[in-house]
Amino acid sequence: GGAGLSKVNFYEQWYVTSSFEGTDAIIAGWTLHPNNNFGTGTMSCDGTGYWTFPSTGYYKIDIKWDWNNGNSNTTQSRWVEGYMQTRISSSNTLVQYAYNQIINGSGTDYSSAFSTYIYDVTDTSTHLFFFGTQAAANMRTTGTISGTTATFLRLGDT
């Protein structure tokens, strides 16, 4: 590695397993992908959507959001966004947005977005992370292995 970064030694991919629906929600209900992981320790997501890290270090966090408005939703949503937030000692800080547009036609309309962030985790007990979604009208995602996914890659020591 260079510039003080050690060899990458941790990678995990997670996917949403329980559908969520609403206009503003923290995403909870994640499952570890069965094949795309290596390293010591594991990420952990509590029942409210807050992630904890297995060790200190710099983490590259990627998320791919997949949304749909559902067949029964006839209200147009001119925008939908995903967001990433850090939580350090009970203080939330918005660090990244990803926007997309979804216009209601007949039937289900779909939208996706991607975002990435590098987080310096200096204390695993105080440095948490969470993902959320907001929309102008009701949005949902389906819990599948190919839907909304999050990837955590430890880049090196802090």
Protein backbone atom coordinates (compact mmCIF):
# COMPACT_ATOMS: atom_id res chain seq x y z
CA GLY A 1 0.00 0.00 0.00
CA GLY A 2 0.95 3.62 -0.20
CA ALA A 3 0.50 6.78 1.84
CA GLY A 4 0.06 4.82 5.07
CA LEU A 5 -2.61 2.47 3.72
CA SER A 6 -2.07 -1.22 4.34
CA LYS A 7 -3.18 -3.99 1.99
CA VAL A 8 -6.97 -4.26 1.61
CA ASN A 9 -8.05 -6.96 4.05
CA PHE A 10 -11.83 -6.67 4.35
CA TYR A 11 -14.70 -6.69 1.85
CA GLU A 12 -18.41 -7.40 2.37
CA GLN A 13 -21.52 -6.97 0.27
CA TRP A 14 -25.00 -6.81 1.78
CA TYR A 15 -28.47 -6.59 0.26
CA VAL A 16 -31.87 -5.46 1.52
CA THR A 17 -34.03 -8.47 2.41
CA SER A 18 -37.13 -6.77 3.71
CA SER A 19 -39.02 -4.36 1.52
CA PHE A 20 -39.40 -0.83 2.80
CA GLU A 21 -41.99 1.66 1.76
CA GLY A 22 -42.56 5.32 2.49
CA THR A 23 -41.47 8.86 1.78
CA ASP A 24 -38.64 8.99 4.36
CA ALA A 25 -37.00 5.96 5.95
CA ILE A 26 -33.71 4.64 7.31
CA ILE A 27 -33.07 1.35 5.55
CA ALA A 28 -32.95 -1.69 7.85
CA GLY A 29 -33.33 -5.42 7.15
CA TRP A 30 -30.01 -6.31 5.48
CA THR A 31 -28.48 -9.76 4.76
CA LEU A 32 -24.87 -10.60 4.03
CA HIS A 33 -24.35 -11.74 0.44
CA PRO A 34 -23.43 -15.45 0.57
CA ASN A 35 -20.44 -15.25 -1.83
CA ASN A 36 -18.98 -11.74 -1.99
CA ASN A 37 -17.00 -11.43 1.25
CA PHE A 38 -13.55 -11.81 2.74
CA GLY A 39 -11.61 -10.64 5.75
CA THR A 40 -11.70 -10.76 9.52
CA GLY A 41 -14.83 -9.70 11.40
CA THR A 42 -18.13 -8.64 9.93
CA MET A 43 -20.22 -5.52 9.56
CA SER A 44 -23.30 -5.45 11.75
CA CYS A 45 -26.61 -3.69 11.17
CA ASP A 46 -29.02 -3.38 14.08
CA GLY A 47 -32.80 -3.52 13.71
CA THR A 48 -33.05 0.24 13.20
CA GLY A 49 -30.55 0.44 10.31
CA TYR A 50 -27.39 1.59 12.13
CA TRP A 51 -24.16 -0.11 10.98
CA THR A 52 -21.15 -0.86 13.17
CA PHE A 53 -17.69 -1.69 11.85
CA PRO A 54 -15.54 -4.71 12.78
CA SER A 55 -12.36 -2.66 13.26
CA THR A 56 -11.04 0.87 12.92
CA GLY A 57 -9.73 2.07 9.56
CA TYR A 58 -10.69 3.82 6.35
CA TYR A 59 -13.75 2.21 4.73
CA LYS A 60 -15.02 2.78 1.20
CA ILE A 61 -18.80 2.45 1.34
CA ASP A 62 -20.80 1.97 -1.86
CA ILE A 63 -24.55 1.69 -2.20
CA LYS A 64 -26.81 0.99 -5.16
CA TRP A 65 -30.40 2.00 -4.48
CA ASP A 66 -33.26 0.46 -6.46
CA TRP A 67 -36.70 2.00 -6.10
CA ASN A 68 -40.13 1.51 -7.59
CA ASN A 69 -43.45 3.21 -7.10
CA GLY A 70 -45.55 0.02 -7.12
CA ASN A 71 -48.51 -0.75 -9.33
CA SER A 72 -50.99 0.74 -6.89
CA ASN A 73 -49.18 4.06 -6.47
CA THR A 74 -50.68 6.55 -8.89
CA THR A 75 -49.11 9.63 -7.26
CA GLN A 76 -46.27 11.02 -9.30
CA SER A 77 -42.92 11.33 -7.52
CA ARG A 78 -40.82 13.88 -9.36
CA TRP A 79 -37.76 12.93 -7.32
CA VAL A 80 -36.38 10.17 -5.15
CA GLU A 81 -33.10 10.27 -3.27
CA GLY A 82 -30.88 8.00 -1.28
CA TYR A 83 -28.64 9.37 1.42
CA MET A 84 -25.71 8.24 3.55
CA GLN A 85 -25.13 9.55 7.06
CA THR A 86 -22.44 9.10 9.66
CA ARG A 87 -23.29 8.95 13.33
CA ILE A 88 -20.47 9.87 15.71
CA SER A 89 -21.32 9.90 19.43
CA SER A 90 -25.08 10.37 18.78
CA SER A 91 -24.57 13.20 16.26
CA ASN A 92 -25.77 12.54 12.68
CA THR A 93 -24.01 14.14 9.71
CA LEU A 94 -25.28 13.88 6.15
CA VAL A 95 -22.33 12.93 3.93
CA GLN A 96 -23.76 11.95 0.56
CA TYR A 97 -26.90 12.24 -1.58
CA ALA A 98 -27.86 10.41 -4.76
CA TYR A 99 -30.88 11.69 -6.68
CA ASN A 100 -33.01 10.28 -9.42
CA GLN A 101 -36.30 11.07 -11.07
CA ILE A 102 -39.25 8.72 -11.27
CA ILE A 103 -42.32 9.65 -13.28
CA ASN A 104 -45.46 7.60 -12.88
CA GLY A 105 -46.84 5.97 -15.98
CA SER A 106 -49.19 3.03 -16.10
CA GLY A 107 -47.94 0.20 -13.92
CA THR A 108 -44.68 0.12 -12.00
CA ASP A 109 -41.90 2.58 -12.74
CA TYR A 110 -38.31 1.97 -11.61
CA SER A 111 -35.33 4.10 -10.67
CA SER A 112 -31.77 3.48 -9.46
CA ALA A 113 -28.90 5.52 -8.06
CA PHE A 114 -25.35 4.86 -6.87
CA SER A 115 -23.22 6.60 -4.29
CA THR A 116 -19.85 6.13 -2.58
CA TYR A 117 -18.19 7.56 0.54
CA ILE A 118 -14.90 7.03 2.39
CA TYR A 119 -15.35 6.97 6.18
CA ASP A 120 -12.52 7.25 8.71
CA VAL A 121 -13.66 4.96 11.54
CA THR A 122 -11.42 5.87 14.50
CA ASP A 123 -13.59 4.21 17.17
CA THR A 124 -15.94 1.28 16.43
CA SER A 125 -18.13 2.04 19.46
CA THR A 126 -18.88 5.67 18.51
CA HIS A 127 -18.60 5.71 14.68
CA LEU A 128 -21.80 4.34 13.12
CA PHE A 129 -23.30 4.66 9.67
CA PHE A 130 -26.75 4.46 8.07
CA PHE A 131 -28.50 4.63 4.70
CA GLY A 132 -31.87 6.23 4.03
CA THR A 133 -34.26 7.14 1.27
CA GLN A 134 -36.66 10.04 0.71
CA ALA A 135 -39.17 10.81 -2.02
CA ALA A 136 -41.85 13.28 -2.99
CA ALA A 137 -44.38 10.42 -2.97
CA ASN A 138 -44.45 6.87 -1.68
CA MET A 139 -41.44 4.75 -2.80
CA ARG A 140 -40.55 1.15 -2.13
CA THR A 141 -37.83 -1.37 -2.74
CA THR A 142 -38.11 -5.10 -2.96
CA GLY A 143 -35.87 -7.24 -0.78
CA THR A 144 -33.84 -9.29 -3.26
CA ILE A 145 -30.17 -10.11 -3.78
CA SER A 146 -30.15 -8.02 -6.99
CA GLY A 147 -31.94 -4.99 -5.54
CA THR A 148 -30.56 -2.40 -3.12
CA THR A 149 -27.01 -3.42 -2.17
CA ALA A 150 -24.27 -1.98 0.05
CA THR A 151 -20.56 -2.78 -0.15
CA PHE A 152 -17.96 -2.14 2.56
CA LEU A 153 -14.26 -2.22 1.68
CA ARG A 154 -11.61 -1.55 4.33
CA LEU A 155 -8.87 0.42 2.59
CA GLY A 156 -6.36 0.47 5.42
CA ASP A 157 -5.48 1.70 8.89
CA THR A 158 -6.66 5.04 10.20
